[in-house]
Amino acid sequence: MYARESSHRSLVKALTFRALILTADSVIVYWITKKLDVALGVMIFSNLSSTILYLFHERIWNKVSWGRVKVTQQ
């Protein structure tokens, strides 16, 4: 039997990771451009699309058994 993540856990992981990246992206783009509207636009578009792609990536990898360790029931 392989341990699998629930869809809810994958979603929470994706959202918390995106929050971290969202902050980093915003600071970096603002630092480079010194324009808040550009930083916010890039941040919103980039992070929304990346979150969706990451979630699909997680769910696909959850179906792959390669690299998982079998869990024995006690």
Protein backbone atom coordinates (compact mmCIF):
# COMPACT_ATOMS: atom_id res chain seq x y z
CA MET A 1 0.00 0.00 0.00
CA TYR A 2 1.36 3.41 -0.97
CA ALA A 3 0.79 6.53 1.06
CA ARG A 4 -1.13 9.11 -0.99
CA GLU A 5 -1.95 12.73 -0.35
CA SER A 6 -5.51 13.96 -0.29
CA SER A 7 -6.63 16.58 -2.82
CA HIS A 8 -7.15 18.99 0.09
CA ARG A 9 -3.55 18.58 1.27
CA SER A 10 -2.23 19.18 -2.26
CA LEU A 11 -4.36 22.32 -2.53
CA VAL A 12 -3.14 23.70 0.81
CA LYS A 13 0.48 22.96 -0.14
CA ALA A 14 0.01 24.72 -3.48
CA LEU A 15 -1.56 27.77 -1.85
CA THR A 16 1.07 28.16 0.87
CA PHE A 17 3.88 27.75 -1.64
CA ARG A 18 2.25 30.33 -3.92
CA ALA A 19 1.95 32.78 -1.03
CA LEU A 20 5.69 32.52 -0.52
CA ILE A 21 6.45 32.96 -4.21
CA LEU A 22 3.87 35.75 -4.53
CA THR A 23 5.72 37.78 -1.93
CA ALA A 24 9.12 37.13 -3.50
CA ASP A 25 7.90 37.95 -7.03
CA SER A 26 6.28 41.18 -5.91
CA VAL A 27 9.37 42.41 -4.10
CA ILE A 28 11.72 41.51 -6.96
CA VAL A 29 9.57 43.02 -9.75
CA TYR A 30 8.98 46.19 -7.74
CA TRP A 31 12.68 46.43 -6.89
CA ILE A 32 13.57 46.18 -10.60
CA THR A 33 10.83 48.42 -12.04
CA LYS A 34 9.99 50.73 -9.12
CA LYS A 35 6.41 50.58 -10.45
CA LEU A 36 3.74 49.17 -8.16
CA ASP A 37 1.17 48.63 -10.94
CA VAL A 38 3.64 46.59 -13.01
CA ALA A 39 4.67 44.55 -9.96
CA LEU A 40 1.04 43.81 -9.08
CA GLY A 41 0.10 42.90 -12.66
CA VAL A 42 3.02 40.52 -13.08
CA MET A 43 2.42 39.05 -9.63
CA ILE A 44 -1.28 38.36 -10.21
CA PHE A 45 -0.92 36.84 -13.67
CA SER A 46 2.21 34.84 -12.92
CA ASN A 47 1.04 33.44 -9.63
CA LEU A 48 -2.49 32.58 -10.68
CA SER A 49 -1.28 30.60 -13.68
CA SER A 50 1.57 29.00 -11.71
CA THR A 51 -0.75 27.91 -8.89
CA ILE A 52 -3.06 26.14 -11.32
CA LEU A 53 -0.15 24.43 -13.09
CA TYR A 54 1.42 23.40 -9.76
CA LEU A 55 -1.83 21.86 -8.55
CA PHE A 56 -2.15 19.75 -11.72
CA HIS A 57 1.52 18.79 -11.42
CA GLU A 58 0.98 17.65 -7.81
CA ARG A 59 -2.09 15.58 -8.67
CA ILE A 60 -0.31 13.88 -11.59
CA TRP A 61 2.72 13.04 -9.45
CA ASN A 62 0.40 11.70 -6.76
CA LYS A 63 -0.61 8.96 -9.24
CA VAL A 64 3.01 7.94 -9.91
CA SER A 65 4.28 5.21 -7.61
CA TRP A 66 7.95 5.61 -8.58
CA GLY A 67 10.08 6.61 -5.59
CA ARG A 68 7.42 5.87 -2.96
CA VAL A 69 8.11 3.54 -0.07
CA LYS A 70 5.58 0.87 0.75
CA VAL A 71 3.91 1.38 4.10
CA THR A 72 3.23 -1.74 6.12
CA GLN A 73 0.20 -1.84 8.38
CA GLN A 74 0.86 -2.82 11.97
